[in-house]
Amino acid sequence: MGNVIKAFEDKVTGIIYYIGQDYTGERVEELTALGFLADKKKDDLSDLKLSEVKAKLDELGIEYDPKAKKQELLELLK
C-alpha cells in the first residue's frame, strides 16, 4: 500500500487518485519509483514538523494562513 503524494490517473484502471489517498493496487513499486506514491509507513504526515508541513503546502502551491495551527495545515495537505 502507498500514500499518494502526487495526483495521477491510473493508466490501467482509469481511476484518479489525489494527494493523501491510499493506493492499494498492484503497481505500488512502479508508482513509488515514479514519484506518485510514498511508503505509507514513512509518510505519516502527523510526524512532520510545522515548518515541514508549511514547506509541503508551499511546494504544492496551496495557500494557507501563516498563523494556522498544525492540525489545520495537515487537513489542507489531505
PDB file of N, CA and C in Angstrom:
ATOM      1  N   MET A   1       0.842  -1.174   0.000  1.00  0.00           N
ATOM      2  CA  MET A   1       0.000   0.000   0.000  1.00  0.00           C
ATOM      3  C   MET A   1       0.888   1.237   0.000  1.00  0.00           C
ATOM      4  N   GLY A   2       0.457   2.261  -0.704  1.00  0.00           N
ATOM      5  CA  GLY A   2       1.198   3.508  -0.753  1.00  0.00           C
ATOM      6  C   GLY A   2       0.296   4.695  -0.516  1.00  0.00           C
ATOM      7  N   ASN A   3       0.905   5.799  -0.137  1.00  0.00           N
ATOM      8  CA  ASN A   3       0.177   7.039   0.086  1.00  0.00           C
ATOM      9  C   ASN A   3       0.435   7.953  -1.113  1.00  0.00           C
ATOM     10  N   VAL A   4      -0.615   8.458  -1.723  1.00  0.00           N
ATOM     11  CA  VAL A   4      -0.487   9.313  -2.903  1.00  0.00           C
ATOM     12  C   VAL A   4       0.115  10.661  -2.493  1.00  0.00           C
ATOM     13  N   ILE A   5       1.240  11.008  -3.123  1.00  0.00           N
ATOM     14  CA  ILE A   5       1.892  12.284  -2.843  1.00  0.00           C
ATOM     15  C   ILE A   5       1.857  13.206  -4.060  1.00  0.00           C
ATOM     16  N   LYS A   6       1.379  12.686  -5.189  1.00  0.00           N
ATOM     17  CA  LYS A   6       1.223  13.480  -6.409  1.00  0.00           C
ATOM     18  C   LYS A   6       0.031  12.889  -7.155  1.00  0.00           C
ATOM     19  N   ALA A   7      -0.965  13.710  -7.440  1.00  0.00           N
ATOM     20  CA  ALA A   7      -2.188  13.228  -8.085  1.00  0.00           C
ATOM     21  C   ALA A   7      -1.868  12.591  -9.441  1.00  0.00           C
ATOM     22  N   PHE A   8      -2.629  11.538  -9.761  1.00  0.00           N
ATOM     23  CA  PHE A   8      -2.427  10.856 -11.041  1.00  0.00           C
ATOM     24  C   PHE A   8      -3.663  10.058 -11.418  1.00  0.00           C
ATOM     25  N   GLU A   9      -3.745   9.716 -12.697  1.00  0.00           N
ATOM     26  CA  GLU A   9      -4.792   8.818 -13.178  1.00  0.00           C
ATOM     27  C   GLU A   9      -4.124   7.487 -13.484  1.00  0.00           C
ATOM     28  N   ASP A  10      -4.620   6.422 -12.890  1.00  0.00           N
ATOM     29  CA  ASP A  10      -4.060   5.099 -13.107  1.00  0.00           C
ATOM     30  C   ASP A  10      -4.302   4.700 -14.558  1.00  0.00           C
ATOM     31  N   LYS A  11      -3.226   4.425 -15.278  1.00  0.00           N
ATOM     32  CA  LYS A  11      -3.343   4.111 -16.704  1.00  0.00           C
ATOM     33  C   LYS A  11      -4.008   2.768 -16.953  1.00  0.00           C
ATOM     34  N   VAL A  12      -4.040   1.906 -15.946  1.00  0.00           N
ATOM     35  CA  VAL A  12      -4.655   0.597 -16.092  1.00  0.00           C
ATOM     36  C   VAL A  12      -6.145   0.649 -15.778  1.00  0.00           C
ATOM     37  N   THR A  13      -6.506   1.275 -14.661  1.00  0.00           N
ATOM     38  CA  THR A  13      -7.906   1.287 -14.223  1.00  0.00           C
ATOM     39  C   THR A  13      -8.664   2.547 -14.608  1.00  0.00           C
ATOM     40  N   GLY A  14      -7.938   3.640 -14.881  1.00  0.00           N
ATOM     41  CA  GLY A  14      -8.587   4.909 -15.193  1.00  0.00           C
ATOM     42  C   GLY A  14      -9.032   5.679 -13.961  1.00  0.00           C
ATOM     43  N   ILE A  15      -8.762   5.132 -12.769  1.00  0.00           N
ATOM     44  CA  ILE A  15      -9.141   5.792 -11.521  1.00  0.00           C
ATOM     45  C   ILE A  15      -8.192   6.947 -11.249  1.00  0.00           C
ATOM     46  N   ILE A  16      -8.746   8.083 -10.829  1.00  0.00           N
ATOM     47  CA  ILE A  16      -7.930   9.246 -10.488  1.00  0.00           C
ATOM     48  C   ILE A  16      -7.677   9.229  -8.989  1.00  0.00           C
ATOM     49  N   TYR A  17      -6.408   9.355  -8.629  1.00  0.00           N
ATOM     50  CA  TYR A  17      -6.003   9.381  -7.224  1.00  0.00           C
ATOM     51  C   TYR A  17      -5.509  10.774  -6.879  1.00  0.00           C
ATOM     52  N   TYR A  18      -5.860  11.232  -5.679  1.00  0.00           N
ATOM     53  CA  TYR A  18      -5.486  12.563  -5.221  1.00  0.00           C
ATOM     54  C   TYR A  18      -4.559  12.461  -4.016  1.00  0.00           C
ATOM     55  N   ILE A  19      -3.822  13.539  -3.774  1.00  0.00           N
ATOM     56  CA  ILE A  19      -2.872  13.590  -2.666  1.00  0.00           C
ATOM     57  C   ILE A  19      -3.568  13.218  -1.364  1.00  0.00           C
ATOM     58  N   GLY A  20      -2.926  12.340  -0.600  1.00  0.00           N
ATOM     59  CA  GLY A  20      -3.448  11.918   0.690  1.00  0.00           C
ATOM     60  C   GLY A  20      -4.243  10.628   0.654  1.00  0.00           C
ATOM     61  N   GLN A  21      -4.651  10.193  -0.535  1.00  0.00           N
ATOM     62  CA  GLN A  21      -5.403   8.945  -0.641  1.00  0.00           C
ATOM     63  C   GLN A  21      -4.457   7.754  -0.529  1.00  0.00           C
ATOM     64  N   ASP A  22      -5.034   6.602  -0.196  1.00  0.00           N
ATOM     65  CA  ASP A  22      -4.275   5.357  -0.177  1.00  0.00           C
ATOM     66  C   ASP A  22      -4.415   4.677  -1.528  1.00  0.00           C
ATOM     67  N   TYR A  23      -3.311   4.107  -2.008  1.00  0.00           N
ATOM     68  CA  TYR A  23      -3.317   3.322  -3.235  1.00  0.00           C
ATOM     69  C   TYR A  23      -3.016   1.884  -2.856  1.00  0.00           C
ATOM     70  N   THR A  24      -3.907   0.969  -3.223  1.00  0.00           N
ATOM     71  CA  THR A  24      -3.723  -0.434  -2.860  1.00  0.00           C
ATOM     72  C   THR A  24      -3.607  -1.334  -4.080  1.00  0.00           C
ATOM     73  N   GLY A  25      -3.390  -0.747  -5.231  1.00  0.00           N
ATOM     74  CA  GLY A  25      -3.275  -1.526  -6.453  1.00  0.00           C
ATOM     75  C   GLY A  25      -1.982  -2.329  -6.508  1.00  0.00           C
ATOM     76  N   GLU A  26      -1.758  -2.942  -7.647  1.00  0.00           N
ATOM     77  CA  GLU A  26      -0.614  -3.833  -7.827  1.00  0.00           C
ATOM     78  C   GLU A  26       0.649  -3.115  -8.295  1.00  0.00           C
ATOM     79  N   ARG A  27       0.580  -1.814  -8.557  1.00  0.00           N
ATOM     80  CA  ARG A  27       1.719  -1.087  -9.132  1.00  0.00           C
ATOM     81  C   ARG A  27       2.408  -0.174  -8.121  1.00  0.00           C
ATOM     82  N   VAL A  28       2.383  -0.537  -6.846  1.00  0.00           N
ATOM     83  CA  VAL A  28       2.943   0.312  -5.790  1.00  0.00           C
ATOM     84  C   VAL A  28       4.417   0.628  -6.046  1.00  0.00           C
ATOM     85  N   GLU A  29       5.222  -0.385  -6.331  1.00  0.00           N
ATOM     86  CA  GLU A  29       6.656  -0.159  -6.547  1.00  0.00           C
ATOM     87  C   GLU A  29       6.900   0.770  -7.731  1.00  0.00           C
ATOM     88  N   GLU A  30       6.217   0.535  -8.834  1.00  0.00           N
ATOM     89  CA  GLU A  30       6.388   1.359 -10.041  1.00  0.00           C
ATOM     90  C   GLU A  30       5.992   2.811  -9.769  1.00  0.00           C
ATOM     91  N   LEU A  31       4.838   3.015  -9.140  1.00  0.00           N
ATOM     92  CA  LEU A  31       4.347   4.368  -8.890  1.00  0.00           C
ATOM     93  C   LEU A  31       5.179   5.091  -7.827  1.00  0.00           C
ATOM     94  N   THR A  32       5.742   4.339  -6.891  1.00  0.00           N
ATOM     95  CA  THR A  32       6.641   4.932  -5.898  1.00  0.00           C
ATOM     96  C   THR A  32       7.910   5.415  -6.586  1.00  0.00           C
ATOM     97  N   ALA A  33       8.453   4.585  -7.475  1.00  0.00           N
ATOM     98  CA  ALA A  33       9.665   4.953  -8.216  1.00  0.00           C
ATOM     99  C   ALA A  33       9.429   6.179  -9.103  1.00  0.00           C
ATOM    100  N   LEU A  34       8.216   6.336  -9.606  1.00  0.00           N
ATOM    101  CA  LEU A  34       7.882   7.477 -10.466  1.00  0.00           C
ATOM    102  C   LEU A  34       7.536   8.739  -9.675  1.00  0.00           C
ATOM    103  N   GLY A  35       7.472   8.619  -8.341  1.00  0.00           N
ATOM    104  CA  GLY A  35       7.226   9.787  -7.502  1.00  0.00           C
ATOM    105  C   GLY A  35       5.764  10.096  -7.235  1.00  0.00           C
ATOM    106  N   PHE A  36       4.872   9.144  -7.510  1.00  0.00           N
ATOM    107  CA  PHE A  36       3.451   9.360  -7.256  1.00  0.00           C
ATOM    108  C   PHE A  36       3.019   8.859  -5.883  1.00  0.00           C
ATOM    109  N   LEU A  37       3.761   7.890  -5.340  1.00  0.00           N
ATOM    110  CA  LEU A  37       3.417   7.299  -4.050  1.00  0.00           C
ATOM    111  C   LEU A  37       4.595   7.360  -3.095  1.00  0.00           C
ATOM    112  N   ALA A  38       4.271   7.346  -1.814  1.00  0.00           N
ATOM    113  CA  ALA A  38       5.283   7.228  -0.768  1.00  0.00           C
ATOM    114  C   ALA A  38       4.873   6.059   0.112  1.00  0.00           C
ATOM    115  N   ASP A  39       5.854   5.411   0.691  1.00  0.00           N
ATOM    116  CA  ASP A  39       5.588   4.306   1.600  1.00  0.00           C
ATOM    117  C   ASP A  39       4.718   4.822   2.733  1.00  0.00           C
ATOM    118  N   LYS A  40       3.588   4.204   2.966  1.00  0.00           N
ATOM    119  CA  LYS A  40       2.619   4.659   3.979  1.00  0.00           C
ATOM    120  C   LYS A  40       3.283   4.817   5.339  1.00  0.00           C
ATOM    121  N   LYS A  41       4.162   3.910   5.690  1.00  0.00           N
ATOM    122  CA  LYS A  41       4.813   3.961   6.990  1.00  0.00           C
ATOM    123  C   LYS A  41       5.780   5.134   7.091  1.00  0.00           C
ATOM    124  N   LYS A  42       6.418   5.474   5.994  1.00  0.00           N
ATOM    125  CA  LYS A  42       7.411   6.546   6.005  1.00  0.00           C
ATOM    126  C   LYS A  42       6.800   7.922   5.806  1.00  0.00           C
ATOM    127  N   ASP A  43       5.520   7.980   5.433  1.00  0.00           N
ATOM    128  CA  ASP A  43       4.925   9.258   5.070  1.00  0.00           C
ATOM    129  C   ASP A  43       3.768   9.648   5.982  1.00  0.00           C
ATOM    130  N   ASP A  44       3.894   9.388   7.271  1.00  0.00           N
ATOM    131  CA  ASP A  44       2.867   9.783   8.212  1.00  0.00           C
ATOM    132  C   ASP A  44       2.974  11.289   8.425  1.00  0.00           C
ATOM    133  N   LEU A  45       2.024  12.030   7.900  1.00  0.00           N
ATOM    134  CA  LEU A  45       2.076  13.491   7.930  1.00  0.00           C
ATOM    135  C   LEU A  45       2.091  14.058   9.339  1.00  0.00           C
ATOM    136  N   SER A  46       1.481  13.359  10.278  1.00  0.00           N
ATOM    137  CA  SER A  46       1.435  13.885  11.639  1.00  0.00           C
ATOM    138  C   SER A  46       2.815  13.928  12.291  1.00  0.00           C
ATOM    139  N   ASP A  47       3.763  13.194  11.746  1.00  0.00           N
ATOM    140  CA  ASP A  47       5.130  13.206  12.274  1.00  0.00           C
ATOM    141  C   ASP A  47       5.938  14.411  11.793  1.00  0.00           C
ATOM    142  N   LEU A  48       5.403  15.146  10.820  1.00  0.00           N
ATOM    143  CA  LEU A  48       6.124  16.302  10.279  1.00  0.00           C
ATOM    144  C   LEU A  48       6.135  17.458  11.262  1.00  0.00           C
ATOM    145  N   LYS A  49       7.194  18.236  11.217  1.00  0.00           N
ATOM    146  CA  LYS A  49       7.262  19.477  11.995  1.00  0.00           C
ATOM    147  C   LYS A  49       6.406  20.520  11.289  1.00  0.00           C
ATOM    148  N   LEU A  50       6.001  21.548  12.014  1.00  0.00           N
ATOM    149  CA  LEU A  50       5.170  22.604  11.440  1.00  0.00           C
ATOM    150  C   LEU A  50       5.837  23.218  10.216  1.00  0.00           C
ATOM    151  N   SER A  51       7.135  23.471  10.302  1.00  0.00           N
ATOM    152  CA  SER A  51       7.855  24.065   9.169  1.00  0.00           C
ATOM    153  C   SER A  51       7.852  23.135   7.956  1.00  0.00           C
ATOM    154  N   GLU A  52       7.889  21.825   8.195  1.00  0.00           N
ATOM    155  CA  GLU A  52       7.862  20.857   7.093  1.00  0.00           C
ATOM    156  C   GLU A  52       6.480  20.815   6.445  1.00  0.00           C
ATOM    157  N   VAL A  53       5.437  20.943   7.256  1.00  0.00           N
ATOM    158  CA  VAL A  53       4.076  20.972   6.717  1.00  0.00           C
ATOM    159  C   VAL A  53       3.911  22.206   5.832  1.00  0.00           C
ATOM    160  N   LYS A  54       4.376  23.344   6.318  1.00  0.00           N
ATOM    161  CA  LYS A  54       4.287  24.581   5.530  1.00  0.00           C
ATOM    162  C   LYS A  54       5.090  24.467   4.237  1.00  0.00           C
ATOM    163  N   ALA A  55       6.252  23.833   4.306  1.00  0.00           N
ATOM    164  CA  ALA A  55       7.076  23.656   3.104  1.00  0.00           C
ATOM    165  C   ALA A  55       6.354  22.797   2.074  1.00  0.00           C
ATOM    166  N   LYS A  56       5.664  21.726   2.524  1.00  0.00           N
ATOM    167  CA  LYS A  56       4.917  20.881   1.598  1.00  0.00           C
ATOM    168  C   LYS A  56       3.768  21.662   0.962  1.00  0.00           C
ATOM    169  N   LEU A  57       3.082  22.472   1.762  1.00  0.00           N
ATOM    170  CA  LEU A  57       1.991  23.289   1.227  1.00  0.00           C
ATOM    171  C   LEU A  57       2.520  24.280   0.192  1.00  0.00           C
ATOM    172  N   ASP A  58       3.651  24.900   0.492  1.00  0.00           N
ATOM    173  CA  ASP A  58       4.267  25.830  -0.453  1.00  0.00           C
ATOM    174  C   ASP A  58       4.633  25.119  -1.749  1.00  0.00           C
ATOM    175  N   GLU A  59       5.207  23.927  -1.621  1.00  0.00           N
ATOM    176  CA  GLU A  59       5.617  23.136  -2.776  1.00  0.00           C
ATOM    177  C   GLU A  59       4.433  22.802  -3.677  1.00  0.00           C
ATOM    178  N   LEU A  60       3.278  22.569  -3.047  1.00  0.00           N
ATOM    179  CA  LEU A  60       2.075  22.218  -3.797  1.00  0.00           C
ATOM    180  C   LEU A  60       1.280  23.437  -4.249  1.00  0.00           C
ATOM    181  N   GLY A  61       1.725  24.624  -3.832  1.00  0.00           N
ATOM    182  CA  GLY A  61       1.032  25.848  -4.227  1.00  0.00           C
ATOM    183  C   GLY A  61      -0.280  26.059  -3.498  1.00  0.00           C
ATOM    184  N   ILE A  62      -0.405  25.487  -2.319  1.00  0.00           N
ATOM    185  CA  ILE A  62      -1.637  25.611  -1.538  1.00  0.00           C
ATOM    186  C   ILE A  62      -1.501  26.799  -0.589  1.00  0.00           C
ATOM    187  N   GLU A  63      -2.442  27.727  -0.677  1.00  0.00           N
ATOM    188  CA  GLU A  63      -2.411  28.904   0.190  1.00  0.00           C
ATOM    189  C   GLU A  63      -2.938  28.545   1.569  1.00  0.00           C
ATOM    190  N   TYR A  64      -2.377  29.181   2.596  1.00  0.00           N
ATOM    191  CA  TYR A  64      -2.778  28.918   3.975  1.00  0.00           C
ATOM    192  C   TYR A  64      -2.507  30.148   4.829  1.00  0.00           C
ATOM    193  N   ASP A  65      -3.190  30.207   5.964  1.00  0.00           N
ATOM    194  CA  ASP A  65      -2.984  31.282   6.928  1.00  0.00           C
ATOM    195  C   ASP A  65      -1.689  30.975   7.683  1.00  0.00           C
ATOM    196  N   PRO A  66      -0.697  31.859   7.634  1.00  0.00           N
ATOM    197  CA  PRO A  66       0.579  31.598   8.317  1.00  0.00           C
ATOM    198  C   PRO A  66       0.425  31.401   9.823  1.00  0.00           C
ATOM    199  N   LYS A  67      -0.703  31.843  10.387  1.00  0.00           N
ATOM    200  CA  LYS A  67      -0.936  31.696  11.828  1.00  0.00           C
ATOM    201  C   LYS A  67      -1.757  30.444  12.153  1.00  0.00           C
ATOM    202  N   ALA A  68      -2.089  29.668  11.135  1.00  0.00           N
ATOM    203  CA  ALA A  68      -2.903  28.471  11.338  1.00  0.00           C
ATOM    204  C   ALA A  68      -2.146  27.446  12.177  1.00  0.00           C
ATOM    205  N   LYS A  69      -2.903  26.648  12.900  1.00  0.00           N
ATOM    206  CA  LYS A  69      -2.318  25.595  13.723  1.00  0.00           C
ATOM    207  C   LYS A  69      -1.940  24.405  12.843  1.00  0.00           C
ATOM    208  N   LYS A  70      -1.046  23.596  13.365  1.00  0.00           N
ATOM    209  CA  LYS A  70      -0.523  22.448  12.613  1.00  0.00           C
ATOM    210  C   LYS A  70      -1.652  21.540  12.102  1.00  0.00           C
ATOM    211  N   GLN A  71      -2.622  21.237  12.950  1.00  0.00           N
ATOM    212  CA  GLN A  71      -3.715  20.331  12.552  1.00  0.00           C
ATOM    213  C   GLN A  71      -4.501  20.908  11.375  1.00  0.00           C
ATOM    214  N   GLU A  72      -4.727  22.210  11.374  1.00  0.00           N
ATOM    215  CA  GLU A  72      -5.441  22.853  10.263  1.00  0.00           C
ATOM    216  C   GLU A  72      -4.644  22.727   8.963  1.00  0.00           C
ATOM    217  N   LEU A  73      -3.332  22.888   9.076  1.00  0.00           N
ATOM    218  CA  LEU A  73      -2.465  22.783   7.900  1.00  0.00           C
ATOM    219  C   LEU A  73      -2.401  21.344   7.394  1.00  0.00           C
ATOM    220  N   LEU A  74      -2.402  20.382   8.309  1.00  0.00           N
ATOM    221  CA  LEU A  74      -2.404  18.974   7.904  1.00  0.00           C
ATOM    222  C   LEU A  74      -3.672  18.635   7.139  1.00  0.00           C
ATOM    223  N   GLU A  75      -4.786  19.206   7.543  1.00  0.00           N
ATOM    224  CA  GLU A  75      -6.052  18.976   6.824  1.00  0.00           C
ATOM    225  C   GLU A  75      -5.959  19.498   5.390  1.00  0.00           C
ATOM    226  N   LEU A  76      -5.281  20.616   5.205  1.00  0.00           N
ATOM    227  CA  LEU A  76      -5.100  21.152   3.851  1.00  0.00           C
ATOM    228  C   LEU A  76      -4.277  20.197   2.988  1.00  0.00           C
ATOM    229  N   LEU A  77      -3.295  19.564   3.580  1.00  0.00           N
ATOM    230  CA  LEU A  77      -2.457  18.618   2.842  1.00  0.00           C
ATOM    231  C   LEU A  77      -3.262  17.396   2.393  1.00  0.00           C
ATOM    232  N   LYS A  78      -4.213  16.989   3.211  1.00  0.00           N
ATOM    233  CA  LYS A  78      -5.012  15.806   2.878  1.00  0.00           C
ATOM    234  C   LYS A  78      -5.979  16.134   1.768  1.00  0.00           C
TER     235      LYS A  78
END
